[in-house]
Amino acid sequence: MVLNRLRDEQIADGKQAQFEILQRFLSVDRASANYAEAAQQLDMTEGATRVAAHRLRKHYRSLLRDEIANTVLCEADIEDEIRHLFEGSIELRIASGRVTELAAAHPD
């Protein structure tokens, strides 16, 4: 739901191609992120690509926070829900043999 909303917003802003390439940086370990390849695909510098990916992650976190805010009773519960969501996500990756970190869950 949140990813669809982010995609729709990016398309509305005329950034569909950029989104399609940068969305992989929402859920990969930053150490394995290949910004140089993405930069080449986007015809951007690697630095500009890193900034664009950072902004996309930041906006994703904001949308996720808004979505979770609609599901909890008080604002104080938002951070707990986010933490619980990503702890479960990391546990699932470990159980499946894929030990990666969800980059979007962590501030740059």
C-alpha atoms as a PDB file:
ATOM      1  CA  MET A   1       0.000   0.000   0.000  1.00  0.00           C
ATOM      2  CA  VAL A   2       2.710   2.498   0.980  1.00  0.00           C
ATOM      3  CA  LEU A   3       4.944   1.455  -1.900  1.00  0.00           C
ATOM      4  CA  ASN A   4       2.024   1.861  -4.318  1.00  0.00           C
ATOM      5  CA  ARG A   5       1.343   5.338  -2.973  1.00  0.00           C
ATOM      6  CA  LEU A   6       5.009   6.256  -3.346  1.00  0.00           C
ATOM      7  CA  ARG A   7       5.040   4.899  -6.914  1.00  0.00           C
ATOM      8  CA  ASP A   8       1.888   6.855  -7.796  1.00  0.00           C
ATOM      9  CA  GLU A   9       3.376  10.065  -6.428  1.00  0.00           C
ATOM     10  CA  GLN A  10       6.621   9.536  -8.326  1.00  0.00           C
ATOM     11  CA  ILE A  11       4.710   8.882 -11.558  1.00  0.00           C
ATOM     12  CA  ALA A  12       2.614  12.013 -11.004  1.00  0.00           C
ATOM     13  CA  ASP A  13       5.859  13.974 -10.591  1.00  0.00           C
ATOM     14  CA  GLY A  14       7.191  12.594 -13.885  1.00  0.00           C
ATOM     15  CA  LYS A  15       9.780  10.392 -12.142  1.00  0.00           C
ATOM     16  CA  GLN A  16       8.572   6.926 -13.093  1.00  0.00           C
ATOM     17  CA  ALA A  17      11.843   5.831 -14.724  1.00  0.00           C
ATOM     18  CA  GLN A  18      13.847   7.123 -11.764  1.00  0.00           C
ATOM     19  CA  PHE A  19      11.517   5.372  -9.333  1.00  0.00           C
ATOM     20  CA  GLU A  20      11.758   2.054 -11.174  1.00  0.00           C
ATOM     21  CA  ILE A  21      15.539   2.119 -10.830  1.00  0.00           C
ATOM     22  CA  LEU A  22      15.826   3.592  -7.322  1.00  0.00           C
ATOM     23  CA  GLN A  23      13.085   1.541  -5.653  1.00  0.00           C
ATOM     24  CA  ARG A  24      15.575  -1.292  -5.131  1.00  0.00           C
ATOM     25  CA  PHE A  25      17.428   0.994  -2.698  1.00  0.00           C
ATOM     26  CA  LEU A  26      14.404   0.955  -0.402  1.00  0.00           C
ATOM     27  CA  SER A  27      15.104  -2.604   0.688  1.00  0.00           C
ATOM     28  CA  VAL A  28      18.763  -3.467   0.199  1.00  0.00           C
ATOM     29  CA  ASP A  29      21.679  -3.346   2.536  1.00  0.00           C
ATOM     30  CA  ARG A  30      23.468  -0.098   1.696  1.00  0.00           C
ATOM     31  CA  ALA A  31      26.788  -1.935   1.591  1.00  0.00           C
ATOM     32  CA  SER A  32      25.553  -3.974  -1.371  1.00  0.00           C
ATOM     33  CA  ALA A  33      23.807  -1.076  -3.127  1.00  0.00           C
ATOM     34  CA  ASN A  34      25.271  -0.399  -6.554  1.00  0.00           C
ATOM     35  CA  TYR A  35      24.864   3.347  -6.973  1.00  0.00           C
ATOM     36  CA  ALA A  36      27.312   3.493  -9.874  1.00  0.00           C
ATOM     37  CA  GLU A  37      25.158   1.160 -11.964  1.00  0.00           C
ATOM     38  CA  ALA A  38      21.984   3.076 -11.102  1.00  0.00           C
ATOM     39  CA  ALA A  39      23.714   6.366 -11.911  1.00  0.00           C
ATOM     40  CA  GLN A  40      24.692   5.071 -15.316  1.00  0.00           C
ATOM     41  CA  GLN A  41      21.136   3.895 -15.997  1.00  0.00           C
ATOM     42  CA  LEU A  42      19.756   7.281 -14.951  1.00  0.00           C
ATOM     43  CA  ASP A  43      22.456   9.310 -16.705  1.00  0.00           C
ATOM     44  CA  MET A  44      23.239  11.006 -13.386  1.00  0.00           C
ATOM     45  CA  THR A  45      26.350  11.292 -11.283  1.00  0.00           C
ATOM     46  CA  GLU A  46      26.771   8.755  -8.524  1.00  0.00           C
ATOM     47  CA  GLY A  47      26.457  11.530  -5.953  1.00  0.00           C
ATOM     48  CA  ALA A  48      23.185  12.748  -7.446  1.00  0.00           C
ATOM     49  CA  THR A  49      21.919   9.161  -7.490  1.00  0.00           C
ATOM     50  CA  ARG A  50      22.758   8.728  -3.803  1.00  0.00           C
ATOM     51  CA  VAL A  51      20.905  11.951  -2.993  1.00  0.00           C
ATOM     52  CA  ALA A  52      17.878  10.873  -5.038  1.00  0.00           C
ATOM     53  CA  ALA A  53      17.845   7.467  -3.292  1.00  0.00           C
ATOM     54  CA  HIS A  54      18.142   9.167   0.101  1.00  0.00           C
ATOM     55  CA  ARG A  55      15.190  11.436  -0.707  1.00  0.00           C
ATOM     56  CA  LEU A  56      13.129   8.476  -1.909  1.00  0.00           C
ATOM     57  CA  ARG A  57      13.867   6.553   1.316  1.00  0.00           C
ATOM     58  CA  LYS A  58      13.024   9.617   3.391  1.00  0.00           C
ATOM     59  CA  HIS A  59       9.710  10.077   1.608  1.00  0.00           C
ATOM     60  CA  TYR A  60       8.964   6.357   1.928  1.00  0.00           C
ATOM     61  CA  ARG A  61       9.538   6.572   5.694  1.00  0.00           C
ATOM     62  CA  SER A  62       7.213   9.565   5.880  1.00  0.00           C
ATOM     63  CA  LEU A  63       4.443   7.763   3.990  1.00  0.00           C
ATOM     64  CA  LEU A  64       4.938   4.657   6.116  1.00  0.00           C
ATOM     65  CA  ARG A  65       4.714   6.704   9.282  1.00  0.00           C
ATOM     66  CA  ASP A  66       1.483   8.331   8.043  1.00  0.00           C
ATOM     67  CA  GLU A  67      -0.009   4.934   7.210  1.00  0.00           C
ATOM     68  CA  ILE A  68       0.881   3.499  10.602  1.00  0.00           C
ATOM     69  CA  ALA A  69      -0.487   6.598  12.327  1.00  0.00           C
ATOM     70  CA  ASN A  70      -3.883   5.654  10.898  1.00  0.00           C
ATOM     71  CA  THR A  71      -3.743   2.260  12.609  1.00  0.00           C
ATOM     72  CA  VAL A  72      -2.727   3.126  16.185  1.00  0.00           C
ATOM     73  CA  LEU A  73      -4.638   4.806  18.963  1.00  0.00           C
ATOM     74  CA  CYS A  74      -2.019   7.341  20.001  1.00  0.00           C
ATOM     75  CA  GLU A  75       0.991   8.969  18.403  1.00  0.00           C
ATOM     76  CA  ALA A  76       3.317   7.470  20.996  1.00  0.00           C
ATOM     77  CA  ASP A  77       2.618   4.015  19.525  1.00  0.00           C
ATOM     78  CA  ILE A  78       3.822   4.902  16.018  1.00  0.00           C
ATOM     79  CA  GLU A  79       7.527   4.312  16.649  1.00  0.00           C
ATOM     80  CA  ASP A  80       6.822   1.050  18.469  1.00  0.00           C
ATOM     81  CA  GLU A  81       4.779  -0.187  15.518  1.00  0.00           C
ATOM     82  CA  ILE A  82       7.498   0.780  13.034  1.00  0.00           C
ATOM     83  CA  ARG A  83      10.146  -0.941  15.130  1.00  0.00           C
ATOM     84  CA  HIS A  84       7.987  -4.066  15.461  1.00  0.00           C
ATOM     85  CA  LEU A  85       7.288  -4.114  11.725  1.00  0.00           C
ATOM     86  CA  PHE A  86      10.959  -4.008  10.782  1.00  0.00           C
ATOM     87  CA  GLU A  87      12.107  -6.397  13.504  1.00  0.00           C
ATOM     88  CA  GLY A  88       9.705  -8.940  12.030  1.00  0.00           C
ATOM     89  CA  SER A  89      10.957  -8.179   8.542  1.00  0.00           C
ATOM     90  CA  ILE A  90      14.574  -8.743   9.552  1.00  0.00           C
ATOM     91  CA  GLU A  91      13.673 -11.982  11.355  1.00  0.00           C
ATOM     92  CA  LEU A  92      11.955 -13.272   8.201  1.00  0.00           C
ATOM     93  CA  ARG A  93      15.046 -12.492   6.126  1.00  0.00           C
ATOM     94  CA  ILE A  94      17.301 -14.292   8.603  1.00  0.00           C
ATOM     95  CA  ALA A  95      14.971 -17.310   8.682  1.00  0.00           C
ATOM     96  CA  SER A  96      15.030 -17.514   4.900  1.00  0.00           C
ATOM     97  CA  GLY A  97      18.829 -17.315   4.823  1.00  0.00           C
ATOM     98  CA  ARG A  98      18.924 -13.762   3.498  1.00  0.00           C
ATOM     99  CA  VAL A  99      20.571 -11.598   6.131  1.00  0.00           C
ATOM    100  CA  THR A 100      19.919  -8.100   4.818  1.00  0.00           C
ATOM    101  CA  GLU A 101      18.840  -4.908   6.427  1.00  0.00           C
ATOM    102  CA  LEU A 102      15.809  -2.952   5.313  1.00  0.00           C
ATOM    103  CA  ALA A 103      17.472   0.332   4.364  1.00  0.00           C
ATOM    104  CA  ALA A 104      14.262   2.317   4.414  1.00  0.00           C
ATOM    105  CA  ALA A 105      13.833   1.647   8.104  1.00  0.00           C
ATOM    106  CA  HIS A 106      17.020   3.411   9.063  1.00  0.00           C
ATOM    107  CA  PRO A 107      17.798   7.114   8.678  1.00  0.00           C
ATOM    108  CA  ASP A 108      20.746   8.078   6.490  1.00  0.00           C
END
